[in-house]
mmCIF file of all heavy atoms, coordinates in Angstrom:
data_MODEL
# 
_entry.id   MODEL 
# 
loop_
_atom_site.group_PDB 
_atom_site.id 
_atom_site.type_symbol 
_atom_site.label_atom_id 
_atom_site.label_alt_id 
_atom_site.label_comp_id 
_atom_site.label_asym_id 
_atom_site.label_entity_id 
_atom_site.label_seq_id 
_atom_site.pdbx_PDB_ins_code 
_atom_site.Cartn_x 
_atom_site.Cartn_y 
_atom_site.Cartn_z 
_atom_site.occupancy 
_atom_site.B_iso_or_equiv 
_atom_site.pdbx_formal_charge 
_atom_site.auth_seq_id 
_atom_site.auth_comp_id 
_atom_site.auth_asym_id 
_atom_site.auth_atom_id 
_atom_site.pdbx_PDB_model_num 
ATOM 1   N N   . ILE A 1 1  ? 0.836   -1.190 0.006   1.00 0.00 ? 1  ILE A N   1 
ATOM 2   C CA  . ILE A 1 1  ? 0.010   -0.004 0.007   1.00 0.00 ? 1  ILE A CA  1 
ATOM 3   C C   . ILE A 1 1  ? 0.870   1.231  0.001   1.00 0.00 ? 1  ILE A C   1 
ATOM 4   O O   . ILE A 1 1  ? 0.629   2.196  -0.774  1.00 0.00 ? 1  ILE A O   1 
ATOM 5   C CB  . ILE A 1 1  ? -0.953  0.001  1.207   1.00 0.00 ? 1  ILE A CB  1 
ATOM 6   C CG1 . ILE A 1 1  ? -1.992  -1.113 1.079   1.00 0.00 ? 1  ILE A CG1 1 
ATOM 7   C CG2 . ILE A 1 1  ? -1.649  1.350  1.353   1.00 0.00 ? 1  ILE A CG2 1 
ATOM 8   C CD1 . ILE A 1 1  ? -2.865  -1.283 2.299   1.00 0.00 ? 1  ILE A CD1 1 
ATOM 9   N N   . ALA A 1 2  ? 1.899   1.261  0.858   1.00 0.00 ? 2  ALA A N   1 
ATOM 10  C CA  . ALA A 1 2  ? 2.768   2.426  0.916   1.00 0.00 ? 2  ALA A CA  1 
ATOM 11  C C   . ALA A 1 2  ? 3.465   2.675  -0.420  1.00 0.00 ? 2  ALA A C   1 
ATOM 12  O O   . ALA A 1 2  ? 3.585   3.834  -0.859  1.00 0.00 ? 2  ALA A O   1 
ATOM 13  C CB  . ALA A 1 2  ? 3.813   2.238  2.028   1.00 0.00 ? 2  ALA A CB  1 
ATOM 14  N N   . GLU A 1 3  ? 3.934   1.612  -1.063  1.00 0.00 ? 3  GLU A N   1 
ATOM 15  C CA  . GLU A 1 3  ? 4.592   1.770  -2.357  1.00 0.00 ? 3  GLU A CA  1 
ATOM 16  C C   . GLU A 1 3  ? 3.634   2.288  -3.419  1.00 0.00 ? 3  GLU A C   1 
ATOM 17  O O   . GLU A 1 3  ? 3.976   3.167  -4.213  1.00 0.00 ? 3  GLU A O   1 
ATOM 18  C CB  . GLU A 1 3  ? 5.180   0.422  -2.783  1.00 0.00 ? 3  GLU A CB  1 
ATOM 19  C CG  . GLU A 1 3  ? 6.356   -0.015 -1.924  1.00 0.00 ? 3  GLU A CG  1 
ATOM 20  C CD  . GLU A 1 3  ? 6.795   -1.434 -2.242  1.00 0.00 ? 3  GLU A CD  1 
ATOM 21  O OE1 . GLU A 1 3  ? 6.086   -2.118 -3.039  1.00 0.00 ? 3  GLU A OE1 1 
ATOM 22  O OE2 . GLU A 1 3  ? 7.837   -1.879 -1.703  1.00 0.00 ? 3  GLU A OE2 1 
ATOM 23  N N   . LEU A 1 4  ? 2.405   1.750  -3.425  1.00 0.00 ? 4  LEU A N   1 
ATOM 24  C CA  . LEU A 1 4  ? 1.448   2.161  -4.453  1.00 0.00 ? 4  LEU A CA  1 
ATOM 25  C C   . LEU A 1 4  ? 0.868   3.538  -4.158  1.00 0.00 ? 4  LEU A C   1 
ATOM 26  O O   . LEU A 1 4  ? 0.374   4.198  -5.071  1.00 0.00 ? 4  LEU A O   1 
ATOM 27  C CB  . LEU A 1 4  ? 0.318   1.132  -4.548  1.00 0.00 ? 4  LEU A CB  1 
ATOM 28  C CG  . LEU A 1 4  ? 0.733   -0.233 -5.118  1.00 0.00 ? 4  LEU A CG  1 
ATOM 29  C CD1 . LEU A 1 4  ? -0.427  -1.218 -5.087  1.00 0.00 ? 4  LEU A CD1 1 
ATOM 30  C CD2 . LEU A 1 4  ? 1.311   -0.089 -6.531  1.00 0.00 ? 4  LEU A CD2 1 
ATOM 31  N N   . ASN A 1 5  ? 0.943   3.986  -2.901  1.00 0.00 ? 5  ASN A N   1 
ATOM 32  C CA  . ASN A 1 5  ? 0.508   5.361  -2.601  1.00 0.00 ? 5  ASN A CA  1 
ATOM 33  C C   . ASN A 1 5  ? 1.395   6.380  -3.310  1.00 0.00 ? 5  ASN A C   1 
ATOM 34  O O   . ASN A 1 5  ? 0.924   7.475  -3.676  1.00 0.00 ? 5  ASN A O   1 
ATOM 35  C CB  . ASN A 1 5  ? 0.562   5.602  -1.090  1.00 0.00 ? 5  ASN A CB  1 
ATOM 36  C CG  . ASN A 1 5  ? -0.667  5.076  -0.378  1.00 0.00 ? 5  ASN A CG  1 
ATOM 37  O OD1 . ASN A 1 5  ? -1.698  4.784  -0.980  1.00 0.00 ? 5  ASN A OD1 1 
ATOM 38  N ND2 . ASN A 1 5  ? -0.575  4.971  0.956   1.00 0.00 ? 5  ASN A ND2 1 
ATOM 39  N N   . THR A 1 6  ? 2.656   6.080  -3.470  1.00 0.00 ? 6  THR A N   1 
ATOM 40  C CA  . THR A 1 6  ? 3.587   7.021  -4.103  1.00 0.00 ? 6  THR A CA  1 
ATOM 41  C C   . THR A 1 6  ? 3.734   6.789  -5.604  1.00 0.00 ? 6  THR A C   1 
ATOM 42  O O   . THR A 1 6  ? 4.296   7.628  -6.303  1.00 0.00 ? 6  THR A O   1 
ATOM 43  C CB  . THR A 1 6  ? 4.990   6.926  -3.448  1.00 0.00 ? 6  THR A CB  1 
ATOM 44  O OG1 . THR A 1 6  ? 5.514   5.603  -3.649  1.00 0.00 ? 6  THR A OG1 1 
ATOM 45  C CG2 . THR A 1 6  ? 4.898   7.210  -1.965  1.00 0.00 ? 6  THR A CG2 1 
ATOM 46  N N   . TRP A 1 7  ? 3.225   5.655  -6.071  1.00 0.00 ? 7  TRP A N   1 
ATOM 47  C CA  . TRP A 1 7  ? 3.353   5.337  -7.508  1.00 0.00 ? 7  TRP A CA  1 
ATOM 48  C C   . TRP A 1 7  ? 2.293   6.056  -8.324  1.00 0.00 ? 7  TRP A C   1 
ATOM 49  O O   . TRP A 1 7  ? 1.124   6.198  -7.892  1.00 0.00 ? 7  TRP A O   1 
ATOM 50  C CB  . TRP A 1 7  ? 3.188   3.815  -7.708  1.00 0.00 ? 7  TRP A CB  1 
ATOM 51  C CG  . TRP A 1 7  ? 3.201   3.369  -9.143  1.00 0.00 ? 7  TRP A CG  1 
ATOM 52  C CD1 . TRP A 1 7  ? 4.259   3.265  -9.959  1.00 0.00 ? 7  TRP A CD1 1 
ATOM 53  C CD2 . TRP A 1 7  ? 2.049   2.999  -9.904  1.00 0.00 ? 7  TRP A CD2 1 
ATOM 54  N NE1 . TRP A 1 7  ? 3.852   2.833  -11.183 1.00 0.00 ? 7  TRP A NE1 1 
ATOM 55  C CE2 . TRP A 1 7  ? 2.504   2.674  -11.200 1.00 0.00 ? 7  TRP A CE2 1 
ATOM 56  C CE3 . TRP A 1 7  ? 0.684   2.937  -9.643  1.00 0.00 ? 7  TRP A CE3 1 
ATOM 57  C CZ2 . TRP A 1 7  ? 1.647   2.250  -12.205 1.00 0.00 ? 7  TRP A CZ2 1 
ATOM 58  C CZ3 . TRP A 1 7  ? -0.181  2.530  -10.638 1.00 0.00 ? 7  TRP A CZ3 1 
ATOM 59  C CH2 . TRP A 1 7  ? 0.306   2.174  -11.910 1.00 0.00 ? 7  TRP A CH2 1 
ATOM 60  N N   . ARG A 1 8  ? 2.675   6.552  -9.457  1.00 0.00 ? 8  ARG A N   1 
ATOM 61  C CA  . ARG A 1 8  ? 1.716   7.205  -10.352 1.00 0.00 ? 8  ARG A CA  1 
ATOM 62  C C   . ARG A 1 8  ? 1.852   6.561  -11.738 1.00 0.00 ? 8  ARG A C   1 
ATOM 63  O O   . ARG A 1 8  ? 2.963   6.438  -12.280 1.00 0.00 ? 8  ARG A O   1 
ATOM 64  C CB  . ARG A 1 8  ? 2.007   8.721  -10.477 1.00 0.00 ? 8  ARG A CB  1 
ATOM 65  C CG  . ARG A 1 8  ? 1.744   9.495  -9.187  1.00 0.00 ? 8  ARG A CG  1 
ATOM 66  C CD  . ARG A 1 8  ? 0.267   9.456  -8.829  1.00 0.00 ? 8  ARG A CD  1 
ATOM 67  N NE  . ARG A 1 8  ? -0.043  10.154 -7.597  1.00 0.00 ? 8  ARG A NE  1 
ATOM 68  C CZ  . ARG A 1 8  ? -0.135  9.573  -6.407  1.00 0.00 ? 8  ARG A CZ  1 
ATOM 69  N NH1 . ARG A 1 8  ? 0.096   8.269  -6.279  1.00 0.00 ? 8  ARG A NH1 1 
ATOM 70  N NH2 . ARG A 1 8  ? -0.438  10.271 -5.337  1.00 0.00 ? 8  ARG A NH2 1 
ATOM 71  N N   . PRO A 1 9  ? 0.734   6.152  -12.314 1.00 0.00 ? 9  PRO A N   1 
ATOM 72  C CA  . PRO A 1 9  ? 0.819   5.535  -13.652 1.00 0.00 ? 9  PRO A CA  1 
ATOM 73  C C   . PRO A 1 9  ? 1.245   6.573  -14.681 1.00 0.00 ? 9  PRO A C   1 
ATOM 74  O O   . PRO A 1 9  ? 0.850   7.736  -14.611 1.00 0.00 ? 9  PRO A O   1 
ATOM 75  C CB  . PRO A 1 9  ? -0.621  5.076  -13.890 1.00 0.00 ? 9  PRO A CB  1 
ATOM 76  C CG  . PRO A 1 9  ? -1.470  5.974  -13.061 1.00 0.00 ? 9  PRO A CG  1 
ATOM 77  C CD  . PRO A 1 9  ? -0.663  6.275  -11.845 1.00 0.00 ? 9  PRO A CD  1 
ATOM 78  N N   . PRO A 1 10 ? 2.077   6.164  -15.627 1.00 0.00 ? 10 PRO A N   1 
ATOM 79  C CA  . PRO A 1 10 ? 2.484   7.076  -16.685 1.00 0.00 ? 10 PRO A CA  1 
ATOM 80  C C   . PRO A 1 10 ? 1.261   7.555  -17.478 1.00 0.00 ? 10 PRO A C   1 
ATOM 81  O O   . PRO A 1 10 ? 0.277   6.818  -17.641 1.00 0.00 ? 10 PRO A O   1 
ATOM 82  C CB  . PRO A 1 10 ? 3.413   6.235  -17.575 1.00 0.00 ? 10 PRO A CB  1 
ATOM 83  C CG  . PRO A 1 10 ? 3.826   5.065  -16.733 1.00 0.00 ? 10 PRO A CG  1 
ATOM 84  C CD  . PRO A 1 10 ? 2.694   4.810  -15.791 1.00 0.00 ? 10 PRO A CD  1 
ATOM 85  N N   . GLU A 1 11 ? 1.307   8.761  -17.956 1.00 0.00 ? 11 GLU A N   1 
ATOM 86  C CA  . GLU A 1 11 ? 0.214   9.273  -18.802 1.00 0.00 ? 11 GLU A CA  1 
ATOM 87  C C   . GLU A 1 11 ? 0.113   8.411  -20.074 1.00 0.00 ? 11 GLU A C   1 
ATOM 88  O O   . GLU A 1 11 ? 1.141   8.075  -20.655 1.00 0.00 ? 11 GLU A O   1 
ATOM 89  C CB  . GLU A 1 11 ? 0.448   10.731 -19.176 1.00 0.00 ? 11 GLU A CB  1 
ATOM 90  C CG  . GLU A 1 11 ? 0.090   11.695 -18.075 1.00 0.00 ? 11 GLU A CG  1 
ATOM 91  C CD  . GLU A 1 11 ? -1.402  11.695 -17.771 1.00 0.00 ? 11 GLU A CD  1 
ATOM 92  O OE1 . GLU A 1 11 ? -2.221  11.776 -18.726 1.00 0.00 ? 11 GLU A OE1 1 
ATOM 93  O OE2 . GLU A 1 11 ? -1.746  11.573 -16.582 1.00 0.00 ? 11 GLU A OE2 1 
ATOM 94  N N   . PRO A 1 12 ? -1.089  8.081  -20.492 1.00 0.00 ? 12 PRO A N   1 
ATOM 95  C CA  . PRO A 1 12 ? -1.224  7.263  -21.717 1.00 0.00 ? 12 PRO A CA  1 
ATOM 96  C C   . PRO A 1 12 ? -0.576  7.960  -22.917 1.00 0.00 ? 12 PRO A C   1 
ATOM 97  O O   . PRO A 1 12 ? -0.704  9.183  -23.085 1.00 0.00 ? 12 PRO A O   1 
ATOM 98  C CB  . PRO A 1 12 ? -2.747  7.164  -21.885 1.00 0.00 ? 12 PRO A CB  1 
ATOM 99  C CG  . PRO A 1 12 ? -3.312  7.366  -20.524 1.00 0.00 ? 12 PRO A CG  1 
ATOM 100 C CD  . PRO A 1 12 ? -2.403  8.342  -19.861 1.00 0.00 ? 12 PRO A CD  1 
ATOM 101 N N   . GLU A 1 13 ? 0.118   7.187  -23.719 1.00 0.00 ? 13 GLU A N   1 
ATOM 102 C CA  . GLU A 1 13 ? 0.735   7.717  -24.928 1.00 0.00 ? 13 GLU A CA  1 
ATOM 103 C C   . GLU A 1 13 ? -0.013  7.287  -26.195 1.00 0.00 ? 13 GLU A C   1 
ATOM 104 O O   . GLU A 1 13 ? 0.338   7.695  -27.284 1.00 0.00 ? 13 GLU A O   1 
ATOM 105 C CB  . GLU A 1 13 ? 2.186   7.247  -25.026 1.00 0.00 ? 13 GLU A CB  1 
ATOM 106 C CG  . GLU A 1 13 ? 2.339   5.723  -25.047 1.00 0.00 ? 13 GLU A CG  1 
ATOM 107 C CD  . GLU A 1 13 ? 3.783   5.274  -25.021 1.00 0.00 ? 13 GLU A CD  1 
ATOM 108 O OE1 . GLU A 1 13 ? 4.551   5.807  -24.201 1.00 0.00 ? 13 GLU A OE1 1 
ATOM 109 O OE2 . GLU A 1 13 ? 4.143   4.370  -25.805 1.00 0.00 ? 13 GLU A OE2 1 
ATOM 110 N N   . GLU A 1 14 ? -1.061  6.461  -25.995 1.00 0.00 ? 14 GLU A N   1 
ATOM 111 C CA  . GLU A 1 14 ? -1.784  5.888  -27.143 1.00 0.00 ? 14 GLU A CA  1 
ATOM 112 C C   . GLU A 1 14 ? -2.922  6.797  -27.588 1.00 0.00 ? 14 GLU A C   1 
ATOM 113 O O   . GLU A 1 14 ? -4.089  6.439  -27.530 1.00 0.00 ? 14 GLU A O   1 
ATOM 114 C CB  . GLU A 1 14 ? -2.315  4.482  -26.806 1.00 0.00 ? 14 GLU A CB  1 
ATOM 115 C CG  . GLU A 1 14 ? -1.250  3.495  -26.352 1.00 0.00 ? 14 GLU A CG  1 
ATOM 116 C CD  . GLU A 1 14 ? -0.938  3.603  -24.856 1.00 0.00 ? 14 GLU A CD  1 
ATOM 117 O OE1 . GLU A 1 14 ? -1.557  4.450  -24.172 1.00 0.00 ? 14 GLU A OE1 1 
ATOM 118 O OE2 . GLU A 1 14 ? -0.098  2.835  -24.366 1.00 0.00 ? 14 GLU A OE2 1 
ATOM 119 N N   . TRP A 1 15 ? -2.605  8.012  -27.977 1.00 0.00 ? 15 TRP A N   1 
ATOM 120 C CA  . TRP A 1 15 ? -3.624  8.941  -28.440 1.00 0.00 ? 15 TRP A CA  1 
ATOM 121 C C   . TRP A 1 15 ? -2.992  9.992  -29.360 1.00 0.00 ? 15 TRP A C   1 
ATOM 122 O O   . TRP A 1 15 ? -1.795  10.176 -29.376 1.00 0.00 ? 15 TRP A O   1 
ATOM 123 C CB  . TRP A 1 15 ? -4.312  9.636  -27.247 1.00 0.00 ? 15 TRP A CB  1 
ATOM 124 C CG  . TRP A 1 15 ? -3.424  10.591 -26.510 1.00 0.00 ? 15 TRP A CG  1 
ATOM 125 C CD1 . TRP A 1 15 ? -2.509  10.284 -25.515 1.00 0.00 ? 15 TRP A CD1 1 
ATOM 126 C CD2 . TRP A 1 15 ? -3.322  12.011 -26.686 1.00 0.00 ? 15 TRP A CD2 1 
ATOM 127 N NE1 . TRP A 1 15 ? -1.868  11.402 -25.082 1.00 0.00 ? 15 TRP A NE1 1 
ATOM 128 C CE2 . TRP A 1 15 ? -2.349  12.471 -25.779 1.00 0.00 ? 15 TRP A CE2 1 
ATOM 129 C CE3 . TRP A 1 15 ? -3.958  12.922 -27.546 1.00 0.00 ? 15 TRP A CE3 1 
ATOM 130 C CZ2 . TRP A 1 15 ? -2.016  13.832 -25.694 1.00 0.00 ? 15 TRP A CZ2 1 
ATOM 131 C CZ3 . TRP A 1 15 ? -3.623  14.271 -27.453 1.00 0.00 ? 15 TRP A CZ3 1 
ATOM 132 C CH2 . TRP A 1 15 ? -2.650  14.706 -26.536 1.00 0.00 ? 15 TRP A CH2 1 
ATOM 133 N N   . ARG A 1 16 ? -3.838  10.676 -30.073 1.00 0.00 ? 16 ARG A N   1 
ATOM 134 C CA  . ARG A 1 16 ? -3.429  11.832 -30.873 1.00 0.00 ? 16 ARG A CA  1 
ATOM 135 C C   . ARG A 1 16 ? -4.624  12.757 -30.976 1.00 0.00 ? 16 ARG A C   1 
ATOM 136 O O   . ARG A 1 16 ? -5.759  12.384 -30.649 1.00 0.00 ? 16 ARG A O   1 
ATOM 137 C CB  . ARG A 1 16 ? -2.944  11.410 -32.267 1.00 0.00 ? 16 ARG A CB  1 
ATOM 138 C CG  . ARG A 1 16 ? -3.928  10.583 -33.061 1.00 0.00 ? 16 ARG A CG  1 
ATOM 139 C CD  . ARG A 1 16 ? -3.446  10.371 -34.485 1.00 0.00 ? 16 ARG A CD  1 
ATOM 140 N NE  . ARG A 1 16 ? -2.141  9.718  -34.547 1.00 0.00 ? 16 ARG A NE  1 
ATOM 141 C CZ  . ARG A 1 16 ? -1.954  8.407  -34.707 1.00 0.00 ? 16 ARG A CZ  1 
ATOM 142 N NH1 . ARG A 1 16 ? -3.018  7.607  -34.835 1.00 0.00 ? 16 ARG A NH1 1 
ATOM 143 N NH2 . ARG A 1 16 ? -0.751  7.910  -34.768 1.00 0.00 ? 16 ARG A NH2 1 
ATOM 144 N N   . LEU A 1 17 ? -4.373  13.983 -31.391 1.00 0.00 ? 17 LEU A N   1 
ATOM 145 C CA  . LEU A 1 17 ? -5.463  14.959 -31.535 1.00 0.00 ? 17 LEU A CA  1 
ATOM 146 C C   . LEU A 1 17 ? -6.355  14.567 -32.709 1.00 0.00 ? 17 LEU A C   1 
ATOM 147 O O   . LEU A 1 17 ? -5.914  13.982 -33.698 1.00 0.00 ? 17 LEU A O   1 
ATOM 148 C CB  . LEU A 1 17 ? -4.910  16.351 -31.766 1.00 0.00 ? 17 LEU A CB  1 
ATOM 149 C CG  . LEU A 1 17 ? -4.154  16.951 -30.554 1.00 0.00 ? 17 LEU A CG  1 
ATOM 150 C CD1 . LEU A 1 17 ? -3.511  18.284 -30.956 1.00 0.00 ? 17 LEU A CD1 1 
ATOM 151 C CD2 . LEU A 1 17 ? -5.127  17.138 -29.369 1.00 0.00 ? 17 LEU A CD2 1 
ATOM 152 N N   . ALA A 1 18 ? -7.630  14.890 -32.584 1.00 0.00 ? 18 ALA A N   1 
ATOM 153 C CA  . ALA A 1 18 ? -8.617  14.484 -33.589 1.00 0.00 ? 18 ALA A CA  1 
ATOM 154 C C   . ALA A 1 18 ? -8.318  15.019 -34.975 1.00 0.00 ? 18 ALA A C   1 
ATOM 155 O O   . ALA A 1 18 ? -8.605  14.359 -35.998 1.00 0.00 ? 18 ALA A O   1 
ATOM 156 C CB  . ALA A 1 18 ? -10.028 14.921 -33.158 1.00 0.00 ? 18 ALA A CB  1 
ATOM 157 N N   . ASP A 1 19 ? -7.698  16.213 -35.043 1.00 0.00 ? 19 ASP A N   1 
ATOM 158 C CA  . ASP A 1 19 ? -7.437  16.774 -36.390 1.00 0.00 ? 19 ASP A CA  1 
ATOM 159 C C   . ASP A 1 19 ? -6.259  16.101 -37.070 1.00 0.00 ? 19 ASP A C   1 
ATOM 160 O O   . ASP A 1 19 ? -5.929  16.420 -38.223 1.00 0.00 ? 19 ASP A O   1 
ATOM 161 C CB  . ASP A 1 19 ? -7.217  18.301 -36.300 1.00 0.00 ? 19 ASP A CB  1 
ATOM 162 C CG  . ASP A 1 19 ? -6.062  18.678 -35.388 1.00 0.00 ? 19 ASP A CG  1 
ATOM 163 O OD1 . ASP A 1 19 ? -5.320  17.766 -34.933 1.00 0.00 ? 19 ASP A OD1 1 
ATOM 164 O OD2 . ASP A 1 19 ? -5.921  19.876 -35.075 1.00 0.00 ? 19 ASP A OD2 1 
ATOM 165 N N   . SER A 1 20 ? -5.613  15.142 -36.368 1.00 0.00 ? 20 SER A N   1 
ATOM 166 C CA  . SER A 1 20 ? -4.526  14.381 -37.007 1.00 0.00 ? 20 SER A CA  1 
ATOM 167 C C   . SER A 1 20 ? -4.947  12.958 -37.303 1.00 0.00 ? 20 SER A C   1 
ATOM 168 O O   . SER A 1 20 ? -4.102  12.073 -37.459 1.00 0.00 ? 20 SER A O   1 
ATOM 169 C CB  . SER A 1 20 ? -3.271  14.396 -36.125 1.00 0.00 ? 20 SER A CB  1 
ATOM 170 O OG  . SER A 1 20 ? -3.542  13.756 -34.898 1.00 0.00 ? 20 SER A OG  1 
ATOM 171 N N   . ALA A 1 21 ? -6.252  12.727 -37.389 1.00 0.00 ? 21 ALA A N   1 
ATOM 172 C CA  . ALA A 1 21 ? -6.772  11.384 -37.569 1.00 0.00 ? 21 ALA A CA  1 
ATOM 173 C C   . ALA A 1 21 ? -6.299  10.783 -38.897 1.00 0.00 ? 21 ALA A C   1 
ATOM 174 O O   . ALA A 1 21 ? -6.223  11.482 -39.928 1.00 0.00 ? 21 ALA A O   1 
ATOM 175 C CB  . ALA A 1 21 ? -8.294  11.381 -37.558 1.00 0.00 ? 21 ALA A CB  1 
ATOM 176 N N   . LEU A 1 22 ? -5.950  9.476  -38.806 1.00 0.00 ? 22 LEU A N   1 
ATOM 177 C CA  . LEU A 1 22 ? -5.701  8.711  -40.030 1.00 0.00 ? 22 LEU A CA  1 
ATOM 178 C C   . LEU A 1 22 ? -7.047  8.287  -40.588 1.00 0.00 ? 22 LEU A C   1 
ATOM 179 O O   . LEU A 1 22 ? -7.827  7.648  -39.882 1.00 0.00 ? 22 LEU A O   1 
ATOM 180 C CB  . LEU A 1 22 ? -4.835  7.477  -39.722 1.00 0.00 ? 22 LEU A CB  1 
ATOM 181 C CG  . LEU A 1 22 ? -3.416  7.764  -39.199 1.00 0.00 ? 22 LEU A CG  1 
ATOM 182 C CD1 . LEU A 1 22 ? -2.743  6.438  -38.810 1.00 0.00 ? 22 LEU A CD1 1 
ATOM 183 C CD2 . LEU A 1 22 ? -2.595  8.506  -40.244 1.00 0.00 ? 22 LEU A CD2 1 
ATOM 184 N N   . PRO A 1 23 ? -7.343  8.632  -41.843 1.00 0.00 ? 23 PRO A N   1 
ATOM 185 C CA  . PRO A 1 23 ? -8.660  8.253  -42.394 1.00 0.00 ? 23 PRO A CA  1 
ATOM 186 C C   . PRO A 1 23 ? -8.764  6.755  -42.586 1.00 0.00 ? 23 PRO A C   1 
ATOM 187 O O   . PRO A 1 23 ? -7.747  6.062  -42.761 1.00 0.00 ? 23 PRO A O   1 
ATOM 188 C CB  . PRO A 1 23 ? -8.682  8.973  -43.747 1.00 0.00 ? 23 PRO A CB  1 
ATOM 189 C CG  . PRO A 1 23 ? -7.239  9.116  -44.129 1.00 0.00 ? 23 PRO A CG  1 
ATOM 190 C CD  . PRO A 1 23 ? -6.522  9.347  -42.840 1.00 0.00 ? 23 PRO A CD  1 
ATOM 191 N N   . PRO A 1 24 ? -9.954  6.204  -42.498 1.00 0.00 ? 24 PRO A N   1 
ATOM 192 C CA  . PRO A 1 24 ? -10.123 4.744  -42.738 1.00 0.00 ? 24 PRO A CA  1 
ATOM 193 C C   . PRO A 1 24 ? -9.515  4.356  -44.084 1.00 0.00 ? 24 PRO A C   1 
ATOM 194 O O   . PRO A 1 24 ? -9.699  5.038  -45.093 1.00 0.00 ? 24 PRO A O   1 
ATOM 195 C CB  . PRO A 1 24 ? -11.646 4.568  -42.725 1.00 0.00 ? 24 PRO A CB  1 
ATOM 196 C CG  . PRO A 1 24 ? -12.142 5.682  -41.863 1.00 0.00 ? 24 PRO A CG  1 
ATOM 197 C CD  . PRO A 1 24 ? -11.248 6.858  -42.171 1.00 0.00 ? 24 PRO A CD  1 
ATOM 198 N N   . ASP A 1 25 ? -8.768  3.247  -44.100 1.00 0.00 ? 25 ASP A N   1 
ATOM 199 C CA  . ASP A 1 25 ? -8.191  2.743  -45.338 1.00 0.00 ? 25 ASP A CA  1 
ATOM 200 C C   . ASP A 1 25 ? -8.692  1.333  -45.643 1.00 0.00 ? 25 ASP A C   1 
ATOM 201 O O   . ASP A 1 25 ? -7.983  0.570  -46.317 1.00 0.00 ? 25 ASP A O   1 
ATOM 202 C CB  . ASP A 1 25 ? -6.652  2.801  -45.262 1.00 0.00 ? 25 ASP A CB  1 
ATOM 203 C CG  . ASP A 1 25 ? -6.084  1.891  -44.177 1.00 0.00 ? 25 ASP A CG  1 
ATOM 204 O OD1 . ASP A 1 25 ? -6.885  1.336  -43.381 1.00 0.00 ? 25 ASP A OD1 1 
ATOM 205 O OD2 . ASP A 1 25 ? -4.865  1.723  -44.142 1.00 0.00 ? 25 ASP A OD2 1 
ATOM 206 N N   . VAL A 1 26 ? -9.868  1.025  -45.148 1.00 0.00 ? 26 VAL A N   1 
ATOM 207 C CA  . VAL A 1 26 ? -10.472 -0.297 -45.426 1.00 0.00 ? 26 VAL A CA  1 
ATOM 208 C C   . VAL A 1 26 ? -11.595 -0.109 -46.438 1.00 0.00 ? 26 VAL A C   1 
ATOM 209 O O   . VAL A 1 26 ? -12.193 0.975  -46.548 1.00 0.00 ? 26 VAL A O   1 
ATOM 210 C CB  . VAL A 1 26 ? -11.009 -0.934 -44.138 1.00 0.00 ? 26 VAL A CB  1 
ATOM 211 C CG1 . VAL A 1 26 ? -9.881  -1.207 -43.164 1.00 0.00 ? 26 VAL A CG1 1 
ATOM 212 C CG2 . VAL A 1 26 ? -12.070 -0.060 -43.473 1.00 0.00 ? 26 VAL A CG2 1 
ATOM 213 N N   . GLU A 1 27 ? -11.903 -1.162 -47.209 1.00 0.00 ? 27 GLU A N   1 
ATOM 214 C CA  . GLU A 1 27 ? -12.926 -1.060 -48.244 1.00 0.00 ? 27 GLU A CA  1 
ATOM 215 C C   . GLU A 1 27 ? -14.317 -0.862 -47.638 1.00 0.00 ? 27 GLU A C   1 
ATOM 216 O O   . GLU A 1 27 ? -15.150 -0.145 -48.192 1.00 0.00 ? 27 GLU A O   1 
ATOM 217 C CB  . GLU A 1 27 ? -12.917 -2.318 -49.131 1.00 0.00 ? 27 GLU A CB  1 
ATOM 218 C CG  . GLU A 1 27 ? -11.654 -2.473 -49.962 1.00 0.00 ? 27 GLU A CG  1 
ATOM 219 C CD  . GLU A 1 27 ? -11.736 -3.713 -50.864 1.00 0.00 ? 27 GLU A CD  1 
ATOM 220 O OE1 . GLU A 1 27 ? -12.807 -4.347 -50.867 1.00 0.00 ? 27 GLU A OE1 1 
ATOM 221 O OE2 . GLU A 1 27 ? -10.750 -3.987 -51.547 1.00 0.00 ? 27 GLU A OE2 1 
ATOM 222 N N   . ASP A 1 28 ? -14.573 -1.552 -46.511 1.00 0.00 ? 28 ASP A N   1 
ATOM 223 C CA  . ASP A 1 28 ? -15.917 -1.483 -45.901 1.00 0.00 ? 28 ASP A CA  1 
ATOM 224 C C   . ASP A 1 28 ? -15.787 -1.179 -44.429 1.00 0.00 ? 28 ASP A C   1 
ATOM 225 O O   . ASP A 1 28 ? -15.614 -2.101 -43.609 1.00 0.00 ? 28 ASP A O   1 
ATOM 226 C CB  . ASP A 1 28 ? -16.630 -2.851 -46.125 1.00 0.00 ? 28 ASP A CB  1 
ATOM 227 C CG  . ASP A 1 28 ? -18.092 -2.805 -45.712 1.00 0.00 ? 28 ASP A CG  1 
ATOM 228 O OD1 . ASP A 1 28 ? -18.475 -1.884 -44.944 1.00 0.00 ? 28 ASP A OD1 1 
ATOM 229 O OD2 . ASP A 1 28 ? -18.837 -3.718 -46.118 1.00 0.00 ? 28 ASP A OD2 1 
# 
């Protein structure tokens, strides 16, 4: 508990701004 009280999860890196979206490249 003491160790996890001081631990902070890293900020997620799996995102980007909406205006940089990759357009769908699938047929359907």
